[in-house]
Amino acid sequence: MRIEIHKKGLRQVVIITFHTRSERFSSDYERNKFFRGLHGWKQIIPGENKQYSYKRTGLLDEIPHAKIADSVFMVAMENMRQVIKYFEQWHNKIDYEMTEVMMEREKLKRLFSQPINE
């Protein structure tokens, strides 16, 4: 069998897998802070006659990504440094691995939650 790889039409992406070490967080609040900083959250403030809802952004709201599973997502190679920088802030409380892969540009456009840079 012969396999040929043509770089034209392909893009380098990174699959990131992480695992939180719950016992290393000082509280549930601190663990939630990690997840909120990564994924963002919806804040609801009750008022007298109505509720006010605000979308608080996280890192993944700011960069194109594709969620694969709860603790697995994919980003373009050029956004990998932002993720590493965020994870390094939590280095003693989480473990993570990154795997580089090549993917067709058209498939990425369909998968990513935001437009990707060409």
C-alpha atoms as a PDB file:
ATOM      1  CA  MET A   1       0.000   0.000   0.000  1.00  0.00           C
ATOM      2  CA  ARG A   2       1.274   3.459  -0.857  1.00  0.00           C
ATOM      3  CA  ILE A   3       0.253   6.559   1.077  1.00  0.00           C
ATOM      4  CA  GLU A   4       0.774  10.001  -0.390  1.00  0.00           C
ATOM      5  CA  ILE A   5       0.441  13.241   1.544  1.00  0.00           C
ATOM      6  CA  HIS A   6      -0.180  16.463  -0.334  1.00  0.00           C
ATOM      7  CA  LYS A   7       0.117  19.545   1.870  1.00  0.00           C
ATOM      8  CA  LYS A   8      -2.027  21.657  -0.415  1.00  0.00           C
ATOM      9  CA  GLY A   9      -5.447  21.915   1.164  1.00  0.00           C
ATOM     10  CA  LEU A  10      -4.207  20.617   4.529  1.00  0.00           C
ATOM     11  CA  ARG A  11      -3.804  22.544   7.757  1.00  0.00           C
ATOM     12  CA  GLN A  12      -1.924  21.757  10.955  1.00  0.00           C
ATOM     13  CA  VAL A  13      -4.115  21.554  14.046  1.00  0.00           C
ATOM     14  CA  VAL A  14      -3.578  20.455  17.624  1.00  0.00           C
ATOM     15  CA  ILE A  15      -5.810  18.083  19.581  1.00  0.00           C
ATOM     16  CA  ILE A  16      -5.628  18.990  23.275  1.00  0.00           C
ATOM     17  CA  THR A  17      -6.626  16.605  26.031  1.00  0.00           C
ATOM     18  CA  PHE A  18      -6.663  17.720  29.656  1.00  0.00           C
ATOM     19  CA  HIS A  19      -7.414  16.185  33.022  1.00  0.00           C
ATOM     20  CA  THR A  20      -8.073  18.140  36.205  1.00  0.00           C
ATOM     21  CA  ARG A  21      -6.569  16.929  39.472  1.00  0.00           C
ATOM     22  CA  SER A  22      -9.540  17.680  41.732  1.00  0.00           C
ATOM     23  CA  GLU A  23      -7.576  16.948  44.900  1.00  0.00           C
ATOM     24  CA  ARG A  24      -5.097  19.717  44.025  1.00  0.00           C
ATOM     25  CA  PHE A  25      -7.717  22.471  43.839  1.00  0.00           C
ATOM     26  CA  SER A  26      -8.300  24.259  47.133  1.00  0.00           C
ATOM     27  CA  SER A  27     -12.087  24.350  46.568  1.00  0.00           C
ATOM     28  CA  ASP A  28     -14.876  23.738  44.059  1.00  0.00           C
ATOM     29  CA  TYR A  29     -14.842  27.501  43.474  1.00  0.00           C
ATOM     30  CA  GLU A  30     -11.210  27.356  42.297  1.00  0.00           C
ATOM     31  CA  ARG A  31     -11.928  24.391  39.999  1.00  0.00           C
ATOM     32  CA  ASN A  32     -14.942  26.226  38.553  1.00  0.00           C
ATOM     33  CA  LYS A  33     -12.730  29.259  38.002  1.00  0.00           C
ATOM     34  CA  PHE A  34     -10.483  27.119  35.778  1.00  0.00           C
ATOM     35  CA  PHE A  35     -13.430  25.855  33.699  1.00  0.00           C
ATOM     36  CA  ARG A  36     -15.057  29.291  33.470  1.00  0.00           C
ATOM     37  CA  GLY A  37     -11.793  30.812  32.304  1.00  0.00           C
ATOM     38  CA  LEU A  38     -11.542  28.156  29.619  1.00  0.00           C
ATOM     39  CA  HIS A  39     -15.173  27.841  28.453  1.00  0.00           C
ATOM     40  CA  GLY A  40     -16.836  31.025  29.703  1.00  0.00           C
ATOM     41  CA  TRP A  41     -20.214  30.991  31.446  1.00  0.00           C
ATOM     42  CA  LYS A  42     -23.654  32.509  31.528  1.00  0.00           C
ATOM     43  CA  GLN A  43     -24.260  34.770  34.527  1.00  0.00           C
ATOM     44  CA  ILE A  44     -27.869  35.324  35.609  1.00  0.00           C
ATOM     45  CA  ILE A  45     -28.670  38.132  38.019  1.00  0.00           C
ATOM     46  CA  PRO A  46     -32.201  38.220  39.423  1.00  0.00           C
ATOM     47  CA  GLY A  47     -33.863  41.628  39.564  1.00  0.00           C
ATOM     48  CA  GLU A  48     -37.116  42.705  41.156  1.00  0.00           C
ATOM     49  CA  ASN A  49     -39.231  42.169  38.048  1.00  0.00           C
ATOM     50  CA  LYS A  50     -36.936  40.292  35.675  1.00  0.00           C
ATOM     51  CA  GLN A  51     -33.641  38.468  35.322  1.00  0.00           C
ATOM     52  CA  TYR A  52     -30.550  39.881  33.692  1.00  0.00           C
ATOM     53  CA  SER A  53     -28.399  37.470  31.718  1.00  0.00           C
ATOM     54  CA  TYR A  54     -24.787  38.081  30.732  1.00  0.00           C
ATOM     55  CA  LYS A  55     -22.408  35.967  28.658  1.00  0.00           C
ATOM     56  CA  ARG A  56     -18.958  35.942  30.253  1.00  0.00           C
ATOM     57  CA  THR A  57     -16.333  34.877  27.758  1.00  0.00           C
ATOM     58  CA  GLY A  58     -13.613  32.307  28.275  1.00  0.00           C
ATOM     59  CA  LEU A  59     -10.502  31.514  26.258  1.00  0.00           C
ATOM     60  CA  LEU A  60     -12.324  29.163  23.886  1.00  0.00           C
ATOM     61  CA  ASP A  61     -14.862  31.885  23.082  1.00  0.00           C
ATOM     62  CA  GLU A  62     -11.995  33.948  21.698  1.00  0.00           C
ATOM     63  CA  ILE A  63     -10.281  31.350  19.487  1.00  0.00           C
ATOM     64  CA  PRO A  64     -11.667  29.020  16.817  1.00  0.00           C
ATOM     65  CA  HIS A  65     -11.937  25.486  18.152  1.00  0.00           C
ATOM     66  CA  ALA A  66     -13.840  22.238  17.810  1.00  0.00           C
ATOM     67  CA  LYS A  67     -15.022  20.423  20.924  1.00  0.00           C
ATOM     68  CA  ILE A  68     -14.371  16.702  20.620  1.00  0.00           C
ATOM     69  CA  ALA A  69     -15.341  15.597  24.147  1.00  0.00           C
ATOM     70  CA  ASP A  70     -15.720  17.189  27.585  1.00  0.00           C
ATOM     71  CA  SER A  71     -11.960  17.514  28.111  1.00  0.00           C
ATOM     72  CA  VAL A  72     -10.794  17.291  24.512  1.00  0.00           C
ATOM     73  CA  PHE A  73     -10.802  20.014  21.875  1.00  0.00           C
ATOM     74  CA  MET A  74      -8.964  20.999  18.721  1.00  0.00           C
ATOM     75  CA  VAL A  75      -7.415  24.353  17.794  1.00  0.00           C
ATOM     76  CA  ALA A  76      -5.401  25.619  14.841  1.00  0.00           C
ATOM     77  CA  MET A  77      -1.643  25.518  15.331  1.00  0.00           C
ATOM     78  CA  GLU A  78      -1.425  29.322  15.532  1.00  0.00           C
ATOM     79  CA  ASN A  79      -3.762  29.355  18.562  1.00  0.00           C
ATOM     80  CA  MET A  80      -1.911  26.660  20.473  1.00  0.00           C
ATOM     81  CA  ARG A  81       0.290  29.147  22.352  1.00  0.00           C
ATOM     82  CA  GLN A  82      -2.747  30.872  23.877  1.00  0.00           C
ATOM     83  CA  VAL A  83      -3.979  27.542  25.224  1.00  0.00           C
ATOM     84  CA  ILE A  84      -0.543  26.617  26.580  1.00  0.00           C
ATOM     85  CA  LYS A  85      -0.285  30.010  28.287  1.00  0.00           C
ATOM     86  CA  TYR A  86      -3.666  29.479  29.985  1.00  0.00           C
ATOM     87  CA  PHE A  87      -2.879  25.896  31.014  1.00  0.00           C
ATOM     88  CA  GLU A  88       0.512  26.903  32.417  1.00  0.00           C
ATOM     89  CA  GLN A  89      -1.316  29.167  34.896  1.00  0.00           C
ATOM     90  CA  TRP A  90      -2.885  25.960  36.257  1.00  0.00           C
ATOM     91  CA  HIS A  91       0.172  23.694  35.739  1.00  0.00           C
ATOM     92  CA  ASN A  92       0.112  22.168  39.231  1.00  0.00           C
ATOM     93  CA  LYS A  93      -3.630  21.386  39.100  1.00  0.00           C
ATOM     94  CA  ILE A  94      -4.133  19.949  35.626  1.00  0.00           C
ATOM     95  CA  ASP A  95      -2.362  17.591  33.239  1.00  0.00           C
ATOM     96  CA  TYR A  96      -2.592  18.057  29.487  1.00  0.00           C
ATOM     97  CA  GLU A  97      -1.323  16.548  26.268  1.00  0.00           C
ATOM     98  CA  MET A  98      -1.196  17.957  22.768  1.00  0.00           C
ATOM     99  CA  THR A  99      -1.123  15.995  19.521  1.00  0.00           C
ATOM    100  CA  GLU A 100      -0.403  17.634  16.171  1.00  0.00           C
ATOM    101  CA  VAL A 101      -2.441  16.420  13.203  1.00  0.00           C
ATOM    102  CA  MET A 102      -3.127  17.491   9.634  1.00  0.00           C
ATOM    103  CA  MET A 103      -6.688  18.134   8.524  1.00  0.00           C
ATOM    104  CA  GLU A 104      -8.364  19.282   5.317  1.00  0.00           C
ATOM    105  CA  ARG A 105      -9.158  23.003   5.366  1.00  0.00           C
ATOM    106  CA  GLU A 106     -12.753  22.472   4.269  1.00  0.00           C
ATOM    107  CA  LYS A 107     -13.372  19.999   7.076  1.00  0.00           C
ATOM    108  CA  LEU A 108     -11.923  22.471   9.598  1.00  0.00           C
ATOM    109  CA  LYS A 109     -14.245  25.209   8.397  1.00  0.00           C
ATOM    110  CA  ARG A 110     -17.217  22.945   9.130  1.00  0.00           C
ATOM    111  CA  LEU A 111     -15.912  21.808  12.536  1.00  0.00           C
ATOM    112  CA  PHE A 112     -14.678  25.027  14.111  1.00  0.00           C
ATOM    113  CA  SER A 113     -17.080  27.139  16.140  1.00  0.00           C
ATOM    114  CA  GLN A 114     -15.634  30.356  14.683  1.00  0.00           C
ATOM    115  CA  PRO A 115     -14.034  31.245  11.352  1.00  0.00           C
ATOM    116  CA  ILE A 116     -10.394  30.251  10.993  1.00  0.00           C
ATOM    117  CA  ASN A 117      -7.675  32.400   9.437  1.00  0.00           C
ATOM    118  CA  GLU A 118      -6.586  31.246   6.014  1.00  0.00           C
END
